[in-house]
C-alpha atoms as a PDB file:
ATOM      1  CA  MET A   1     -13.065   3.290  -6.937  1.00  0.00           C
ATOM      2  CA  PRO A   2     -10.242   2.810  -9.393  1.00  0.00           C
ATOM      3  CA  ASP A   3     -12.444   4.063 -12.373  1.00  0.00           C
ATOM      4  CA  GLU A   4     -13.202   7.405 -10.318  1.00  0.00           C
ATOM      5  CA  TRP A   5      -9.379   7.950  -9.995  1.00  0.00           C
ATOM      6  CA  ILE A   6      -8.931   7.407 -13.843  1.00  0.00           C
ATOM      7  CA  GLN A   7     -11.958   9.996 -14.562  1.00  0.00           C
ATOM      8  CA  LEU A   8     -10.406  12.387 -11.733  1.00  0.00           C
ATOM      9  CA  VAL A   9      -7.122  12.392 -13.409  1.00  0.00           C
ATOM     10  CA  ARG A  10      -8.341  12.613 -17.124  1.00  0.00           C
ATOM     11  CA  LYS A  11     -10.521  15.721 -15.921  1.00  0.00           C
ATOM     12  CA  ALA A  12      -7.843  17.274 -13.923  1.00  0.00           C
ATOM     13  CA  LYS A  13      -5.452  17.244 -16.932  1.00  0.00           C
ATOM     14  CA  ASP A  14      -8.140  19.595 -18.809  1.00  0.00           C
ATOM     15  CA  SER A  15      -9.404  22.118 -16.293  1.00  0.00           C
ATOM     16  CA  ASP A  16      -8.429  23.973 -12.990  1.00  0.00           C
ATOM     17  CA  ARG A  17     -12.058  23.268 -11.562  1.00  0.00           C
ATOM     18  CA  ASP A  18     -11.463  19.521 -11.932  1.00  0.00           C
ATOM     19  CA  PHE A  19      -7.946  19.474 -10.686  1.00  0.00           C
ATOM     20  CA  GLU A  20      -9.494  21.018  -7.490  1.00  0.00           C
ATOM     21  CA  ALA A  21     -11.915  18.077  -7.375  1.00  0.00           C
ATOM     22  CA  LEU A  22      -8.894  15.803  -7.624  1.00  0.00           C
ATOM     23  CA  ILE A  23      -6.986  17.749  -4.933  1.00  0.00           C
ATOM     24  CA  SER A  24     -10.161  17.795  -2.641  1.00  0.00           C
ATOM     25  CA  LYS A  25      -9.876  13.919  -2.293  1.00  0.00           C
ATOM     26  CA  ILE A  26      -6.020  13.993  -1.325  1.00  0.00           C
ATOM     27  CA  GLU A  27      -5.466  17.267   0.320  1.00  0.00           C
ATOM     28  CA  PRO A  28      -6.915  16.026   3.566  1.00  0.00           C
ATOM     29  CA  VAL A  29      -3.947  13.528   3.638  1.00  0.00           C
ATOM     30  CA  PHE A  30      -1.483  15.981   2.752  1.00  0.00           C
ATOM     31  CA  LEU A  31      -2.648  18.225   5.813  1.00  0.00           C
ATOM     32  CA  VAL A  32      -2.253  15.464   8.195  1.00  0.00           C
ATOM     33  CA  VAL A  33       1.320  14.613   7.247  1.00  0.00           C
ATOM     34  CA  ALA A  34       2.078  18.343   6.879  1.00  0.00           C
ATOM     35  CA  GLY A  35       0.895  18.632  10.420  1.00  0.00           C
ATOM     36  CA  HIS A  36       3.384  16.140  11.559  1.00  0.00           C
ATOM     37  CA  MET A  37       6.413  17.652   9.669  1.00  0.00           C
ATOM     38  CA  ASN A  38       8.429  20.356  11.287  1.00  0.00           C
ATOM     39  CA  GLY A  39       7.416  23.205   8.904  1.00  0.00           C
ATOM     40  CA  ASP A  40       4.696  25.568   7.676  1.00  0.00           C
ATOM     41  CA  ILE A  41       1.571  23.471   6.996  1.00  0.00           C
ATOM     42  CA  SER A  42       0.157  26.002   4.491  1.00  0.00           C
ATOM     43  CA  GLU A  43       3.487  26.041   2.610  1.00  0.00           C
ATOM     44  CA  LEU A  44       3.887  22.141   2.984  1.00  0.00           C
ATOM     45  CA  VAL A  45       0.461  21.625   1.442  1.00  0.00           C
ATOM     46  CA  GLN A  46       0.956  24.131  -1.459  1.00  0.00           C
ATOM     47  CA  VAL A  47       4.217  22.585  -2.448  1.00  0.00           C
ATOM     48  CA  ALA A  48       2.316  19.122  -2.351  1.00  0.00           C
ATOM     49  CA  ARG A  49      -0.351  20.460  -4.593  1.00  0.00           C
ATOM     50  CA  ILE A  50       2.058  21.691  -7.137  1.00  0.00           C
ATOM     51  CA  ALA A  51       3.805  18.529  -6.998  1.00  0.00           C
ATOM     52  CA  VAL A  52       0.448  16.603  -7.942  1.00  0.00           C
ATOM     53  CA  TRP A  53      -0.109  19.122 -10.813  1.00  0.00           C
ATOM     54  CA  ASN A  54       3.333  18.481 -12.140  1.00  0.00           C
ATOM     55  CA  ALA A  55       2.670  14.504 -11.844  1.00  0.00           C
ATOM     56  CA  LEU A  56      -0.395  14.522 -13.724  1.00  0.00           C
ATOM     57  CA  PRO A  57       1.297  13.895 -17.284  1.00  0.00           C
ATOM     58  CA  LYS A  58       3.238  10.933 -15.465  1.00  0.00           C
ATOM     59  CA  VAL A  59       0.203   9.081 -14.132  1.00  0.00           C
ATOM     60  CA  LYS A  60      -0.501   5.799 -15.735  1.00  0.00           C
ATOM     61  CA  LEU A  61      -4.087   5.303 -16.270  1.00  0.00           C
ATOM     62  CA  SER A  62      -3.488   1.766 -17.250  1.00  0.00           C
ATOM     63  CA  LYS A  63      -2.516   1.165 -13.498  1.00  0.00           C
ATOM     64  CA  PRO A  64      -5.850   2.685 -11.808  1.00  0.00           C
ATOM     65  CA  ALA A  65      -5.125   0.979  -8.394  1.00  0.00           C
ATOM     66  CA  THR A  66      -2.064   3.089  -8.071  1.00  0.00           C
ATOM     67  CA  ILE A  67      -2.997   6.429  -9.117  1.00  0.00           C
ATOM     68  CA  ARG A  68      -3.928   7.699  -5.500  1.00  0.00           C
ATOM     69  CA  GLY A  69      -0.899   6.478  -4.442  1.00  0.00           C
ATOM     70  CA  PHE A  70       1.304   7.690  -6.936  1.00  0.00           C
ATOM     71  CA  LEU A  71      -0.113  11.166  -6.477  1.00  0.00           C
ATOM     72  CA  LEU A  72       0.384  11.080  -2.620  1.00  0.00           C
ATOM     73  CA  VAL A  73       3.987  10.119  -3.053  1.00  0.00           C
ATOM     74  CA  ALA A  74       4.468  13.043  -5.385  1.00  0.00           C
ATOM     75  CA  GLY A  75       3.215  15.155  -3.107  1.00  0.00           C
ATOM     76  CA  PHE A  76       5.000  13.774   0.043  1.00  0.00           C
ATOM     77  CA  ASN A  77       8.361  13.608  -1.599  1.00  0.00           C
ATOM     78  CA  LYS A  78       8.130  17.345  -2.163  1.00  0.00           C
ATOM     79  CA  MET A  79       6.916  18.244   1.121  1.00  0.00           C
ATOM     80  CA  LYS A  80      10.182  16.172   2.308  1.00  0.00           C
ATOM     81  CA  ASP A  81      12.431  18.180  -0.080  1.00  0.00           C
ATOM     82  CA  VAL A  82      11.151  21.343   1.216  1.00  0.00           C
ATOM     83  CA  ILE A  83      11.711  20.131   5.045  1.00  0.00           C
ATOM     84  CA  ARG A  84      15.363  18.984   3.871  1.00  0.00           C
ATOM     85  CA  SER A  85      16.083  22.310   2.178  1.00  0.00           C
ATOM     86  CA  GLU A  86      14.903  24.387   5.196  1.00  0.00           C
ATOM     87  CA  ARG A  87      16.914  22.260   7.550  1.00  0.00           C
ATOM     88  CA  ARG A  88      20.062  22.868   5.330  1.00  0.00           C
ATOM     89  CA  LYS A  89      19.372  26.611   5.508  1.00  0.00           C
ATOM     90  CA  ARG A  90      19.284  26.549   9.131  1.00  0.00           C
ATOM     91  CA  THR A  91      22.385  24.263   9.693  1.00  0.00           C
ATOM     92  CA  ILE A  92      25.585  25.887  10.072  1.00  0.00           C
ATOM     93  CA  SER A  93      28.598  24.391   8.103  1.00  0.00           C
ATOM     94  CA  CYS A  94      31.540  23.001  10.174  1.00  0.00           C
ATOM     95  CA  ASP A  95      33.816  25.562   8.841  1.00  0.00           C
ATOM     96  CA  ASP A  96      31.080  28.178  10.030  1.00  0.00           C
ATOM     97  CA  VAL A  97      31.045  26.784  13.425  1.00  0.00           C
ATOM     98  CA  ASP A  98      34.770  26.516  13.725  1.00  0.00           C
ATOM     99  CA  GLU A  99      35.311  30.237  12.962  1.00  0.00           C
ATOM    100  CA  THR A 100      32.054  31.314  14.987  1.00  0.00           C
ATOM    101  CA  VAL A 101      33.321  29.471  18.087  1.00  0.00           C
ATOM    102  CA  PHE A 102      36.612  30.870  18.073  1.00  0.00           C
ATOM    103  CA  ALA A 103      35.487  34.236  17.099  1.00  0.00           C
ATOM    104  CA  TYR A 104      33.012  34.088  20.001  1.00  0.00           C
ATOM    105  CA  ASP A 105      36.030  33.401  22.603  1.00  0.00           C
ATOM    106  CA  VAL A 106      37.961  36.326  21.175  1.00  0.00           C
ATOM    107  CA  CYS A 107      34.974  38.671  21.554  1.00  0.00           C
ATOM    108  CA  SER A 108      33.942  37.515  24.656  1.00  0.00           C
ATOM    109  CA  ASN A 109      37.091  36.329  26.475  1.00  0.00           C
ATOM    110  CA  ILE A 110      35.607  32.993  27.301  1.00  0.00           C
ATOM    111  CA  LYS A 111      38.231  30.348  28.354  1.00  0.00           C
ATOM    112  CA  PHE A 112      38.001  27.125  26.726  1.00  0.00           C
ATOM    113  CA  LYS A 113      38.624  23.820  28.297  1.00  0.00           C
ATOM    114  CA  GLY A 114      39.903  20.557  27.246  1.00  0.00           C
ATOM    115  CA  LEU A 115      40.158  19.848  23.584  1.00  0.00           C
ATOM    116  CA  LEU A 116      38.703  23.201  22.587  1.00  0.00           C
ATOM    117  CA  GLN A 117      41.577  24.756  24.491  1.00  0.00           C
ATOM    118  CA  GLU A 118      43.892  22.820  22.388  1.00  0.00           C
ATOM    119  CA  TYR A 119      42.297  24.048  19.020  1.00  0.00           C
ATOM    120  CA  ASN A 120      42.565  27.646  20.515  1.00  0.00           C
ATOM    121  CA  LYS A 121      46.086  27.265  21.015  1.00  0.00           C
ATOM    122  CA  TYR A 122      46.790  25.757  17.540  1.00  0.00           C
ATOM    123  CA  ILE A 123      45.143  28.948  16.245  1.00  0.00           C
ATOM    124  CA  ILE A 124      46.883  31.592  18.585  1.00  0.00           C
ATOM    125  CA  GLN A 125      50.452  29.712  17.415  1.00  0.00           C
ATOM    126  CA  ASN A 126      49.498  29.416  13.376  1.00  0.00           C
ATOM    127  CA  GLY A 127      46.998  32.249  13.007  1.00  0.00           C
ATOM    128  CA  ARG A 128      44.262  30.126  11.377  1.00  0.00           C
ATOM    129  CA  PHE A 129      42.188  27.104  12.013  1.00  0.00           C
ATOM    130  CA  CYS A 130      43.002  25.533   8.718  1.00  0.00           C
ATOM    131  CA  GLY A 131      45.124  22.272   9.571  1.00  0.00           C
ATOM    132  CA  ALA A 132      44.115  22.088  12.998  1.00  0.00           C
ATOM    133  CA  HIS A 133      42.280  18.588  12.824  1.00  0.00           C
ATOM    134  CA  LYS A 134      45.541  17.135  11.031  1.00  0.00           C
ATOM    135  CA  CYS A 135      47.908  18.572  13.481  1.00  0.00           C
ATOM    136  CA  LEU A 136      45.905  17.496  16.866  1.00  0.00           C
ATOM    137  CA  ALA A 137      45.158  13.880  15.395  1.00  0.00           C
ATOM    138  CA  LYS A 138      48.882  13.451  14.704  1.00  0.00           C
ATOM    139  CA  LYS A 139      49.931  14.529  18.346  1.00  0.00           C
ATOM    140  CA  LYS A 140      47.235  12.374  19.651  1.00  0.00           C
ATOM    141  CA  GLY A 141      48.087   9.149  17.532  1.00  0.00           C
ATOM    142  CA  ILE A 142      44.273   9.138  16.164  1.00  0.00           C
ATOM    143  CA  SER A 143      42.846   9.463  12.847  1.00  0.00           C
ATOM    144  CA  ILE A 144      41.533  12.783  11.456  1.00  0.00           C
ATOM    145  CA  TRP A 145      38.142  11.902  11.244  1.00  0.00           C
ATOM    146  CA  THR A 146      37.976  10.491  14.810  1.00  0.00           C
ATOM    147  CA  MET A 147      39.724  14.001  15.565  1.00  0.00           C
ATOM    148  CA  ARG A 148      36.990  15.968  13.713  1.00  0.00           C
ATOM    149  CA  ARG A 149      34.262  13.954  15.374  1.00  0.00           C
ATOM    150  CA  LYS A 150      35.573  14.533  18.819  1.00  0.00           C
ATOM    151  CA  PHE A 151      35.968  18.590  17.927  1.00  0.00           C
ATOM    152  CA  HIS A 152      32.425  18.448  16.797  1.00  0.00           C
ATOM    153  CA  GLN A 153      31.106  16.900  19.705  1.00  0.00           C
ATOM    154  CA  ALA A 154      33.176  19.289  21.829  1.00  0.00           C
ATOM    155  CA  VAL A 155      31.875  22.199  20.134  1.00  0.00           C
ATOM    156  CA  LYS A 156      28.363  21.063  20.526  1.00  0.00           C
ATOM    157  CA  LEU A 157      28.786  20.778  24.396  1.00  0.00           C
ATOM    158  CA  PHE A 158      30.292  24.207  24.492  1.00  0.00           C
ATOM    159  CA  LEU A 159      27.356  25.479  22.508  1.00  0.00           C
ATOM    160  CA  GLU A 160      24.708  23.804  24.625  1.00  0.00           C
ATOM    161  CA  GLU A 161      26.726  25.395  27.802  1.00  0.00           C
ATOM    162  CA  LEU A 162      26.582  28.649  26.100  1.00  0.00           C
ATOM    163  CA  ASN A 163      22.996  28.491  25.713  1.00  0.00           C
ATOM    164  CA  GLN A 164      22.007  27.610  28.848  1.00  0.00           C
END
């Protein structure tokens, strides 16, 4: 079996048709893994195929037992990169959340409760969000990082309530 992989890789480096023969051996695994990932299966498999193509020059034919694993890992890693990239695009930064939440309050006259109400008062007094974590942390006698964590938990709860 290892000799089969050596031949497949050697041929795949030379022609597209032989590359398809190599891919036909590992693509079913990519399909299964992509099916378990939260993304477009065909896009993930295509990215994995490209990663395998790019990995071909790096394959060590002197270690035939590792060829299949090396190619699969190259494809899996690229698939994970795509998923992470999409997740980053969908994620709103903390600063965007800060501005979004308080802009929503101004637009719809929602009354904040608890910690968010304190932040809202800070913004009304200072005309900006910048410095709120530091000021409120000092007022409560806790670290800025603890204050930020509490703020983001409060924002998360607020958004969950809003979406119900």
